[in-house]
Amino acid sequence: MSRKRKVTLRAQWLGKLLKELRLENELTLKEVGEHIRRDFTTLSRFEAGIQPIHQSELLALMDLYGLEGENQRNTLLQLGQEQTKTGWWEKYSKQAESWFLDYLWVESRAQTIRAYDAMPVNGLLQTPEYAEAWIRAVNPNESATFVERGVELRLARQRVLVRDEPMELSVIMDEAALHRLVGGRDVMKAQLRHLMDQSTHPHIELRVLPYSAGEHASPDGGFSLIKMEDPFPQIAYTLGPAGGLYLEAEQADKLDGMLGRLRSVSLDCEESVALIAALEKRL
């Protein structure tokens, strides 16, 4: 059953940027509304990302706010075009919650992702067989078609690593994720080999947080730090029982520091690959 889409993250982002510009110009919603012949409640809905804004109105607002920088104007115009636009991921709406579809938009535009993964192996680094086993375990009552489409979605996400300008991915992986036999020995052996292969690419960094590190900075689980092009700030993304949560500013900075502490007690890249190779040989 497909789910009704809620407010998209990109619409919220556009609204947030427009509100910041309005406040910088010390204008009220009523004053701006009079300029573009809209009532203040409509302007409020624009800024909340609840109601899409037409490109002509967006251009009028940028002119009113004195936004002259070409990069900034292009960013807002692109967000305006994408606020209700469907991406390649929309066809998987039966396999993914709306908050995850928003994450796929962010991931598709990311320049860098730095992550700590406690469990499972990072989705961008999973083999089809590993992905299938994990999806089946998480969704035991779903159909074979659901699982198949879920695997297809996971593999489609991995295109960000092989595009003309690939995303830079840096992953710290808890050693526990390497020991858990997802899908059985053969599947896990292939997954470990895949991790070793992926680590040879210059835009992919893989480190392992070993058991020997003991207690560590992120006992509550994994998270990602995502950077898109300017003017978007670095954001943090974490997954909990209620779904995905995005954090900005001080909270993202806090997780940035946490990731630095995890990195300081992790194995370096060569040591990490050596550990993965040793585990693969034991299977």
C-alpha atoms as a PDB file:
ATOM      1  CA  MET A   1       0.000   0.000   0.000  1.00  0.00           C
ATOM      2  CA  SER A   2       1.507   3.351  -1.047  1.00  0.00           C
ATOM      3  CA  ARG A   3       1.767   6.058   1.582  1.00  0.00           C
ATOM      4  CA  LYS A   4       0.581   9.639   1.233  1.00  0.00           C
ATOM      5  CA  ARG A   5       3.608  11.908   1.030  1.00  0.00           C
ATOM      6  CA  LYS A   6       4.023  14.450   3.777  1.00  0.00           C
ATOM      7  CA  VAL A   7       5.956  17.719   3.637  1.00  0.00           C
ATOM      8  CA  THR A   8       9.250  17.041   1.868  1.00  0.00           C
ATOM      9  CA  LEU A   9      12.567  17.919   3.411  1.00  0.00           C
ATOM     10  CA  ARG A  10      13.525  19.944   0.352  1.00  0.00           C
ATOM     11  CA  ALA A  11      10.350  22.058   0.660  1.00  0.00           C
ATOM     12  CA  GLN A  12      11.132  22.648   4.332  1.00  0.00           C
ATOM     13  CA  TRP A  13      14.671  23.663   3.433  1.00  0.00           C
ATOM     14  CA  LEU A  14      13.473  26.140   0.824  1.00  0.00           C
ATOM     15  CA  GLY A  15      11.030  27.612   3.325  1.00  0.00           C
ATOM     16  CA  LYS A  16      13.726  27.890   5.968  1.00  0.00           C
ATOM     17  CA  LEU A  17      16.042  29.775   3.600  1.00  0.00           C
ATOM     18  CA  LEU A  18      13.241  32.134   2.563  1.00  0.00           C
ATOM     19  CA  LYS A  19      12.366  32.852   6.190  1.00  0.00           C
ATOM     20  CA  GLU A  20      16.001  33.621   7.006  1.00  0.00           C
ATOM     21  CA  LEU A  21      16.164  36.047   4.086  1.00  0.00           C
ATOM     22  CA  ARG A  22      12.954  37.763   5.180  1.00  0.00           C
ATOM     23  CA  LEU A  23      14.171  38.192   8.743  1.00  0.00           C
ATOM     24  CA  GLU A  24      17.534  39.510   7.536  1.00  0.00           C
ATOM     25  CA  ASN A  25      15.596  42.188   5.659  1.00  0.00           C
ATOM     26  CA  GLU A  26      13.465  42.907   8.741  1.00  0.00           C
ATOM     27  CA  LEU A  27      10.221  42.358   6.853  1.00  0.00           C
ATOM     28  CA  THR A  28       6.976  40.966   8.227  1.00  0.00           C
ATOM     29  CA  LEU A  29       4.884  38.302   6.552  1.00  0.00           C
ATOM     30  CA  LYS A  30       2.217  40.948   5.903  1.00  0.00           C
ATOM     31  CA  GLU A  31       4.689  43.268   4.177  1.00  0.00           C
ATOM     32  CA  VAL A  32       6.063  40.492   1.974  1.00  0.00           C
ATOM     33  CA  GLY A  33       2.587  39.245   1.174  1.00  0.00           C
ATOM     34  CA  GLU A  34       1.544  42.691  -0.029  1.00  0.00           C
ATOM     35  CA  HIS A  35       4.557  42.757  -2.355  1.00  0.00           C
ATOM     36  CA  ILE A  36       3.688  39.500  -4.120  1.00  0.00           C
ATOM     37  CA  ARG A  37      -0.071  39.858  -3.614  1.00  0.00           C
ATOM     38  CA  ARG A  38      -0.415  36.904  -1.269  1.00  0.00           C
ATOM     39  CA  ASP A  39      -1.941  36.866   2.218  1.00  0.00           C
ATOM     40  CA  PHE A  40       0.409  36.367   5.153  1.00  0.00           C
ATOM     41  CA  THR A  41      -0.972  32.897   5.924  1.00  0.00           C
ATOM     42  CA  THR A  42       0.116  31.708   2.468  1.00  0.00           C
ATOM     43  CA  LEU A  43       3.582  33.173   3.060  1.00  0.00           C
ATOM     44  CA  SER A  44       3.697  31.329   6.364  1.00  0.00           C
ATOM     45  CA  ARG A  45       2.849  28.071   4.589  1.00  0.00           C
ATOM     46  CA  PHE A  46       5.612  28.735   2.053  1.00  0.00           C
ATOM     47  CA  GLU A  47       8.128  29.180   4.860  1.00  0.00           C
ATOM     48  CA  ALA A  48       6.928  26.035   6.624  1.00  0.00           C
ATOM     49  CA  GLY A  49       7.280  24.026   3.419  1.00  0.00           C
ATOM     50  CA  ILE A  50       3.599  23.082   3.591  1.00  0.00           C
ATOM     51  CA  GLN A  51       2.582  24.768   0.342  1.00  0.00           C
ATOM     52  CA  PRO A  52       4.724  24.761  -2.838  1.00  0.00           C
ATOM     53  CA  ILE A  53       5.803  28.168  -4.071  1.00  0.00           C
ATOM     54  CA  HIS A  54       5.634  29.020  -7.777  1.00  0.00           C
ATOM     55  CA  GLN A  55       8.870  29.937  -9.520  1.00  0.00           C
ATOM     56  CA  SER A  56       7.556  33.415 -10.422  1.00  0.00           C
ATOM     57  CA  GLU A  57       6.825  34.138  -6.752  1.00  0.00           C
ATOM     58  CA  LEU A  58      10.189  32.714  -5.733  1.00  0.00           C
ATOM     59  CA  LEU A  59      11.939  35.049  -8.183  1.00  0.00           C
ATOM     60  CA  ALA A  60       9.925  37.987  -6.840  1.00  0.00           C
ATOM     61  CA  LEU A  61      10.924  37.137  -3.254  1.00  0.00           C
ATOM     62  CA  MET A  62      14.607  36.838  -4.123  1.00  0.00           C
ATOM     63  CA  ASP A  63      14.480  40.251  -5.791  1.00  0.00           C
ATOM     64  CA  LEU A  64      12.649  41.743  -2.809  1.00  0.00           C
ATOM     65  CA  TYR A  65      15.243  40.312  -0.427  1.00  0.00           C
ATOM     66  CA  GLY A  66      18.118  41.623  -2.550  1.00  0.00           C
ATOM     67  CA  LEU A  67      19.559  38.184  -3.194  1.00  0.00           C
ATOM     68  CA  GLU A  68      22.137  38.781  -5.935  1.00  0.00           C
ATOM     69  CA  GLY A  69      24.621  35.923  -5.612  1.00  0.00           C
ATOM     70  CA  GLU A  70      24.297  33.620  -8.613  1.00  0.00           C
ATOM     71  CA  ASN A  71      25.048  30.454  -6.625  1.00  0.00           C
ATOM     72  CA  GLN A  72      22.499  31.303  -3.940  1.00  0.00           C
ATOM     73  CA  ARG A  73      19.821  32.193  -6.479  1.00  0.00           C
ATOM     74  CA  ASN A  74      20.446  28.998  -8.432  1.00  0.00           C
ATOM     75  CA  THR A  75      20.247  26.922  -5.247  1.00  0.00           C
ATOM     76  CA  LEU A  76      16.866  28.381  -4.299  1.00  0.00           C
ATOM     77  CA  LEU A  77      15.551  28.019  -7.835  1.00  0.00           C
ATOM     78  CA  GLN A  78      16.657  24.390  -7.948  1.00  0.00           C
ATOM     79  CA  LEU A  79      14.970  23.710  -4.618  1.00  0.00           C
ATOM     80  CA  GLY A  80      11.860  25.397  -6.006  1.00  0.00           C
ATOM     81  CA  GLN A  81      11.910  23.030  -8.955  1.00  0.00           C
ATOM     82  CA  GLU A  82      12.495  19.987  -6.748  1.00  0.00           C
ATOM     83  CA  GLN A  83      10.124  20.771  -3.857  1.00  0.00           C
ATOM     84  CA  THR A  84       7.375  18.573  -5.313  1.00  0.00           C
ATOM     85  CA  LYS A  85       9.350  16.792  -8.019  1.00  0.00           C
ATOM     86  CA  THR A  86       9.570  13.031  -7.800  1.00  0.00           C
ATOM     87  CA  GLY A  87      12.960  11.341  -8.022  1.00  0.00           C
ATOM     88  CA  TRP A  88      13.996   7.848  -9.056  1.00  0.00           C
ATOM     89  CA  TRP A  89      13.313   6.683  -5.507  1.00  0.00           C
ATOM     90  CA  GLU A  90       9.595   7.536  -5.583  1.00  0.00           C
ATOM     91  CA  LYS A  91       8.774   4.269  -7.343  1.00  0.00           C
ATOM     92  CA  TYR A  92       9.900   2.494  -4.166  1.00  0.00           C
ATOM     93  CA  SER A  93       7.325   4.220  -1.954  1.00  0.00           C
ATOM     94  CA  LYS A  94       5.816   0.830  -1.045  1.00  0.00           C
ATOM     95  CA  GLN A  95       9.153  -0.342   0.315  1.00  0.00           C
ATOM     96  CA  ALA A  96      10.190   2.827   2.160  1.00  0.00           C
ATOM     97  CA  GLU A  97       8.686   5.301   4.591  1.00  0.00           C
ATOM     98  CA  SER A  98       8.344   8.934   3.487  1.00  0.00           C
ATOM     99  CA  TRP A  99      11.130  10.054   5.845  1.00  0.00           C
ATOM    100  CA  PHE A 100      13.502   7.614   4.150  1.00  0.00           C
ATOM    101  CA  LEU A 101      12.520   8.842   0.696  1.00  0.00           C
ATOM    102  CA  ASP A 102      13.573  12.302   1.879  1.00  0.00           C
ATOM    103  CA  TYR A 103      16.871  10.822   3.044  1.00  0.00           C
ATOM    104  CA  LEU A 104      17.442   9.385  -0.429  1.00  0.00           C
ATOM    105  CA  TRP A 105      17.099  12.898  -1.857  1.00  0.00           C
ATOM    106  CA  VAL A 106      19.737  14.140   0.591  1.00  0.00           C
ATOM    107  CA  GLU A 107      22.005  11.181  -0.139  1.00  0.00           C
ATOM    108  CA  SER A 108      21.692  11.696  -3.892  1.00  0.00           C
ATOM    109  CA  ARG A 109      22.943  15.288  -3.523  1.00  0.00           C
ATOM    110  CA  ALA A 110      25.605  14.641  -0.887  1.00  0.00           C
ATOM    111  CA  GLN A 111      29.199  15.568  -1.595  1.00  0.00           C
ATOM    112  CA  THR A 112      30.468  13.702   1.465  1.00  0.00           C
ATOM    113  CA  ILE A 113      29.001  11.300   4.001  1.00  0.00           C
ATOM    114  CA  ARG A 114      30.860  10.387   7.162  1.00  0.00           C
ATOM    115  CA  ALA A 115      29.229   7.658   9.196  1.00  0.00           C
ATOM    116  CA  TYR A 116      29.520   5.438  12.218  1.00  0.00           C
ATOM    117  CA  ASP A 117      27.662   2.145  11.740  1.00  0.00           C
ATOM    118  CA  ALA A 118      27.053  -0.178  14.650  1.00  0.00           C
ATOM    119  CA  MET A 119      24.826  -2.601  12.701  1.00  0.00           C
ATOM    120  CA  PRO A 120      24.448  -3.585   9.909  1.00  0.00           C
ATOM    121  CA  VAL A 121      27.122  -2.948   7.264  1.00  0.00           C
ATOM    122  CA  ASN A 122      26.532   0.478   5.693  1.00  0.00           C
ATOM    123  CA  GLY A 123      23.820   0.237   3.014  1.00  0.00           C
ATOM    124  CA  LEU A 124      26.085   1.840   0.407  1.00  0.00           C
ATOM    125  CA  LEU A 125      28.573  -0.999   0.885  1.00  0.00           C
ATOM    126  CA  GLN A 126      26.244  -4.032   1.005  1.00  0.00           C
ATOM    127  CA  THR A 127      26.209  -6.880  -1.490  1.00  0.00           C
ATOM    128  CA  PRO A 128      22.813  -7.906  -2.937  1.00  0.00           C
ATOM    129  CA  GLU A 129      22.801 -11.150  -0.942  1.00  0.00           C
ATOM    130  CA  TYR A 130      23.659  -9.432   2.334  1.00  0.00           C
ATOM    131  CA  ALA A 131      21.000  -6.784   1.687  1.00  0.00           C
ATOM    132  CA  GLU A 132      18.393  -9.454   0.950  1.00  0.00           C
ATOM    133  CA  ALA A 133      19.142 -11.369   4.145  1.00  0.00           C
ATOM    134  CA  TRP A 134      18.977  -8.219   6.252  1.00  0.00           C
ATOM    135  CA  ILE A 135      15.748  -6.965   4.682  1.00  0.00           C
ATOM    136  CA  ARG A 136      14.123 -10.379   5.195  1.00  0.00           C
ATOM    137  CA  ALA A 137      15.138 -10.370   8.854  1.00  0.00           C
ATOM    138  CA  VAL A 138      13.746  -6.875   9.454  1.00  0.00           C
ATOM    139  CA  ASN A 139      10.538  -7.549   7.472  1.00  0.00           C
ATOM    140  CA  PRO A 140       9.695 -11.219   8.169  1.00  0.00           C
ATOM    141  CA  ASN A 141       6.051 -10.907   7.127  1.00  0.00           C
ATOM    142  CA  GLU A 142       6.573  -9.123   3.833  1.00  0.00           C
ATOM    143  CA  SER A 143       6.299 -10.757   0.413  1.00  0.00           C
ATOM    144  CA  ALA A 144       9.140 -11.901  -1.803  1.00  0.00           C
ATOM    145  CA  THR A 145       8.333  -8.994  -4.137  1.00  0.00           C
ATOM    146  CA  PHE A 146       8.715  -6.513  -1.273  1.00  0.00           C
ATOM    147  CA  VAL A 147      12.135  -7.939  -0.422  1.00  0.00           C
ATOM    148  CA  GLU A 148      13.211  -7.976  -4.066  1.00  0.00           C
ATOM    149  CA  ARG A 149      12.249  -4.334  -4.496  1.00  0.00           C
ATOM    150  CA  GLY A 150      14.007  -3.444  -1.257  1.00  0.00           C
ATOM    151  CA  VAL A 151      17.241  -4.980  -2.542  1.00  0.00           C
ATOM    152  CA  GLU A 152      16.792  -3.149  -5.843  1.00  0.00           C
ATOM    153  CA  LEU A 153      16.421   0.138  -3.960  1.00  0.00           C
ATOM    154  CA  ARG A 154      19.533  -0.495  -1.880  1.00  0.00           C
ATOM    155  CA  LEU A 155      21.616  -1.200  -4.974  1.00  0.00           C
ATOM    156  CA  ALA A 156      20.220   1.854  -6.763  1.00  0.00           C
ATOM    157  CA  ARG A 157      21.441   4.017  -3.880  1.00  0.00           C
ATOM    158  CA  GLN A 158      24.976   2.819  -4.483  1.00  0.00           C
ATOM    159  CA  ARG A 159      25.135   4.699  -7.790  1.00  0.00           C
ATOM    160  CA  VAL A 160      26.343   7.750  -5.846  1.00  0.00           C
ATOM    161  CA  LEU A 161      29.681   5.938  -5.491  1.00  0.00           C
ATOM    162  CA  VAL A 162      30.171   5.346  -9.230  1.00  0.00           C
ATOM    163  CA  ARG A 163      28.838   8.565 -10.798  1.00  0.00           C
ATOM    164  CA  ASP A 164      31.158  10.909 -12.731  1.00  0.00           C
ATOM    165  CA  GLU A 165      31.973  12.831  -9.535  1.00  0.00           C
ATOM    166  CA  PRO A 166      31.505  10.143  -6.883  1.00  0.00           C
ATOM    167  CA  MET A 167      30.443  11.004  -3.382  1.00  0.00           C
ATOM    168  CA  GLU A 168      33.195  10.718  -0.772  1.00  0.00           C
ATOM    169  CA  LEU A 169      32.257   8.101   1.798  1.00  0.00           C
ATOM    170  CA  SER A 170      34.025   7.624   5.113  1.00  0.00           C
ATOM    171  CA  VAL A 171      32.721   4.830   7.332  1.00  0.00           C
ATOM    172  CA  ILE A 172      33.678   3.716  10.825  1.00  0.00           C
ATOM    173  CA  MET A 173      32.206   0.259  11.318  1.00  0.00           C
ATOM    174  CA  ASP A 174      31.791  -1.456  14.651  1.00  0.00           C
ATOM    175  CA  GLU A 175      33.632  -4.790  14.689  1.00  0.00           C
ATOM    176  CA  ALA A 176      30.407  -6.489  15.814  1.00  0.00           C
ATOM    177  CA  ALA A 177      28.902  -5.899  12.355  1.00  0.00           C
ATOM    178  CA  LEU A 178      31.730  -7.942  10.824  1.00  0.00           C
ATOM    179  CA  HIS A 179      31.205 -10.930  13.110  1.00  0.00           C
ATOM    180  CA  ARG A 180      27.439 -11.295  12.735  1.00  0.00           C
ATOM    181  CA  LEU A 181      26.695 -13.981  10.135  1.00  0.00           C
ATOM    182  CA  VAL A 182      24.064 -12.224   8.048  1.00  0.00           C
ATOM    183  CA  GLY A 183      22.757 -14.688   5.454  1.00  0.00           C
ATOM    184  CA  GLY A 184      25.160 -17.456   6.492  1.00  0.00           C
ATOM    185  CA  ARG A 185      28.865 -18.062   5.945  1.00  0.00           C
ATOM    186  CA  ASP A 186      28.968 -17.793   2.162  1.00  0.00           C
ATOM    187  CA  VAL A 187      27.021 -14.532   2.094  1.00  0.00           C
ATOM    188  CA  MET A 188      29.166 -13.064   4.847  1.00  0.00           C
ATOM    189  CA  LYS A 189      32.421 -14.126   3.194  1.00  0.00           C
ATOM    190  CA  ALA A 190      31.342 -12.393  -0.007  1.00  0.00           C
ATOM    191  CA  GLN A 191      30.349  -9.290   1.969  1.00  0.00           C
ATOM    192  CA  LEU A 192      33.738  -9.106   3.664  1.00  0.00           C
ATOM    193  CA  ARG A 193      35.486  -9.481   0.306  1.00  0.00           C
ATOM    194  CA  HIS A 194      33.307  -6.703  -1.076  1.00  0.00           C
ATOM    195  CA  LEU A 195      34.313  -4.396   1.769  1.00  0.00           C
ATOM    196  CA  MET A 196      37.985  -5.061   1.047  1.00  0.00           C
ATOM    197  CA  ASP A 197      37.430  -4.321  -2.638  1.00  0.00           C
ATOM    198  CA  GLN A 198      35.528  -1.110  -1.957  1.00  0.00           C
ATOM    199  CA  SER A 199      38.244   0.121   0.390  1.00  0.00           C
ATOM    200  CA  THR A 200      40.670   0.311  -2.554  1.00  0.00           C
ATOM    201  CA  HIS A 201      38.729   3.186  -4.130  1.00  0.00           C
ATOM    202  CA  PRO A 202      40.214   6.613  -3.354  1.00  0.00           C
ATOM    203  CA  HIS A 203      36.826   8.149  -2.489  1.00  0.00           C
ATOM    204  CA  ILE A 204      35.944   5.430   0.048  1.00  0.00           C
ATOM    205  CA  GLU A 205      37.537   5.230   3.489  1.00  0.00           C
ATOM    206  CA  LEU A 206      36.767   2.283   5.732  1.00  0.00           C
ATOM    207  CA  ARG A 207      37.807   1.949   9.369  1.00  0.00           C
ATOM    208  CA  VAL A 208      36.874  -0.568  12.041  1.00  0.00           C
ATOM    209  CA  LEU A 209      36.120   0.265  15.663  1.00  0.00           C
ATOM    210  CA  PRO A 210      37.617  -2.842  17.328  1.00  0.00           C
ATOM    211  CA  TYR A 211      36.346  -4.643  20.387  1.00  0.00           C
ATOM    212  CA  SER A 212      39.615  -3.686  22.061  1.00  0.00           C
ATOM    213  CA  ALA A 213      38.524  -0.038  22.057  1.00  0.00           C
ATOM    214  CA  GLY A 214      36.182  -0.915  24.906  1.00  0.00           C
ATOM    215  CA  GLU A 215      33.588   1.669  25.865  1.00  0.00           C
ATOM    216  CA  HIS A 216      33.238   4.349  23.221  1.00  0.00           C
ATOM    217  CA  ALA A 217      31.639   7.678  22.351  1.00  0.00           C
ATOM    218  CA  SER A 218      28.441   6.404  20.670  1.00  0.00           C
ATOM    219  CA  PRO A 219      26.800   3.718  22.807  1.00  0.00           C
ATOM    220  CA  ASP A 220      23.347   4.579  21.430  1.00  0.00           C
ATOM    221  CA  GLY A 221      24.069   3.507  17.868  1.00  0.00           C
ATOM    222  CA  GLY A 222      25.066   4.786  14.472  1.00  0.00           C
ATOM    223  CA  PHE A 223      24.666   8.126  12.727  1.00  0.00           C
ATOM    224  CA  SER A 224      25.770   9.957   9.588  1.00  0.00           C
ATOM    225  CA  LEU A 225      27.108  13.440   8.917  1.00  0.00           C
ATOM    226  CA  ILE A 226      26.135  14.692   5.469  1.00  0.00           C
ATOM    227  CA  LYS A 227      27.480  17.664   3.530  1.00  0.00           C
ATOM    228  CA  MET A 228      25.820  18.930   0.375  1.00  0.00           C
ATOM    229  CA  GLU A 229      26.831  21.945  -1.683  1.00  0.00           C
ATOM    230  CA  ASP A 230      26.597  25.442  -0.198  1.00  0.00           C
ATOM    231  CA  PRO A 231      24.529  27.076   1.186  1.00  0.00           C
ATOM    232  CA  PHE A 232      23.302  23.938   2.954  1.00  0.00           C
ATOM    233  CA  PRO A 233      24.854  23.367   6.371  1.00  0.00           C
ATOM    234  CA  GLN A 234      26.252  20.054   7.452  1.00  0.00           C
ATOM    235  CA  ILE A 235      23.431  17.936   8.799  1.00  0.00           C
ATOM    236  CA  ALA A 236      23.382  14.852  10.953  1.00  0.00           C
ATOM    237  CA  TYR A 237      21.076  11.910  10.369  1.00  0.00           C
ATOM    238  CA  THR A 238      20.291   9.218  12.885  1.00  0.00           C
ATOM    239  CA  LEU A 239      17.838   6.340  12.756  1.00  0.00           C
ATOM    240  CA  GLY A 240      15.662   5.339  15.687  1.00  0.00           C
ATOM    241  CA  PRO A 241      12.544   3.243  16.337  1.00  0.00           C
ATOM    242  CA  ALA A 242      10.317   6.109  15.154  1.00  0.00           C
ATOM    243  CA  GLY A 243      12.255   6.669  11.929  1.00  0.00           C
ATOM    244  CA  GLY A 244      14.923   8.999  10.644  1.00  0.00           C
ATOM    245  CA  LEU A 245      15.834  12.210  12.469  1.00  0.00           C
ATOM    246  CA  TYR A 246      17.752  15.169  11.031  1.00  0.00           C
ATOM    247  CA  LEU A 247      19.849  17.385  13.273  1.00  0.00           C
ATOM    248  CA  GLU A 248      21.457  20.711  12.468  1.00  0.00           C
ATOM    249  CA  ALA A 249      23.807  23.306  13.924  1.00  0.00           C
ATOM    250  CA  GLU A 250      24.890  22.579  17.506  1.00  0.00           C
ATOM    251  CA  GLN A 251      23.552  19.024  17.525  1.00  0.00           C
ATOM    252  CA  ALA A 252      25.345  18.186  14.281  1.00  0.00           C
ATOM    253  CA  ASP A 253      28.534  19.745  15.650  1.00  0.00           C
ATOM    254  CA  LYS A 254      28.204  17.568  18.751  1.00  0.00           C
ATOM    255  CA  LEU A 255      28.016  14.425  16.620  1.00  0.00           C
ATOM    256  CA  ASP A 256      30.924  15.697  14.535  1.00  0.00           C
ATOM    257  CA  GLY A 257      33.027  15.753  17.700  1.00  0.00           C
ATOM    258  CA  MET A 258      31.728  12.313  18.632  1.00  0.00           C
ATOM    259  CA  LEU A 259      32.784  10.956  15.245  1.00  0.00           C
ATOM    260  CA  GLY A 260      36.242  12.404  15.782  1.00  0.00           C
ATOM    261  CA  ARG A 261      36.556  10.572  19.093  1.00  0.00           C
ATOM    262  CA  LEU A 262      35.418   7.317  17.467  1.00  0.00           C
ATOM    263  CA  ARG A 263      37.987   7.797  14.728  1.00  0.00           C
ATOM    264  CA  SER A 264      40.758   8.332  17.275  1.00  0.00           C
ATOM    265  CA  VAL A 265      40.200   4.861  18.787  1.00  0.00           C
ATOM    266  CA  SER A 266      39.507   3.065  15.487  1.00  0.00           C
ATOM    267  CA  LEU A 267      41.996   1.064  13.478  1.00  0.00           C
ATOM    268  CA  ASP A 268      43.574   2.885  10.567  1.00  0.00           C
ATOM    269  CA  CYS A 269      42.593   1.896   7.030  1.00  0.00           C
ATOM    270  CA  GLU A 270      45.321  -0.714   6.544  1.00  0.00           C
ATOM    271  CA  GLU A 271      44.718  -2.291   9.952  1.00  0.00           C
ATOM    272  CA  SER A 272      40.971  -2.347   9.272  1.00  0.00           C
ATOM    273  CA  VAL A 273      41.383  -4.162   5.960  1.00  0.00           C
ATOM    274  CA  ALA A 274      43.763  -6.624   7.628  1.00  0.00           C
ATOM    275  CA  LEU A 275      41.146  -7.384  10.288  1.00  0.00           C
ATOM    276  CA  ILE A 276      38.426  -7.875   7.670  1.00  0.00           C
ATOM    277  CA  ALA A 277      40.737 -10.189   5.679  1.00  0.00           C
ATOM    278  CA  ALA A 278      41.485 -12.256   8.783  1.00  0.00           C
ATOM    279  CA  LEU A 279      37.770 -12.637   9.549  1.00  0.00           C
ATOM    280  CA  GLU A 280      37.071 -13.645   5.949  1.00  0.00           C
ATOM    281  CA  LYS A 281      39.706 -16.380   6.114  1.00  0.00           C
ATOM    282  CA  ARG A 282      38.160 -17.847   9.256  1.00  0.00           C
ATOM    283  CA  LEU A 283      34.775 -18.343   7.618  1.00  0.00           C
END
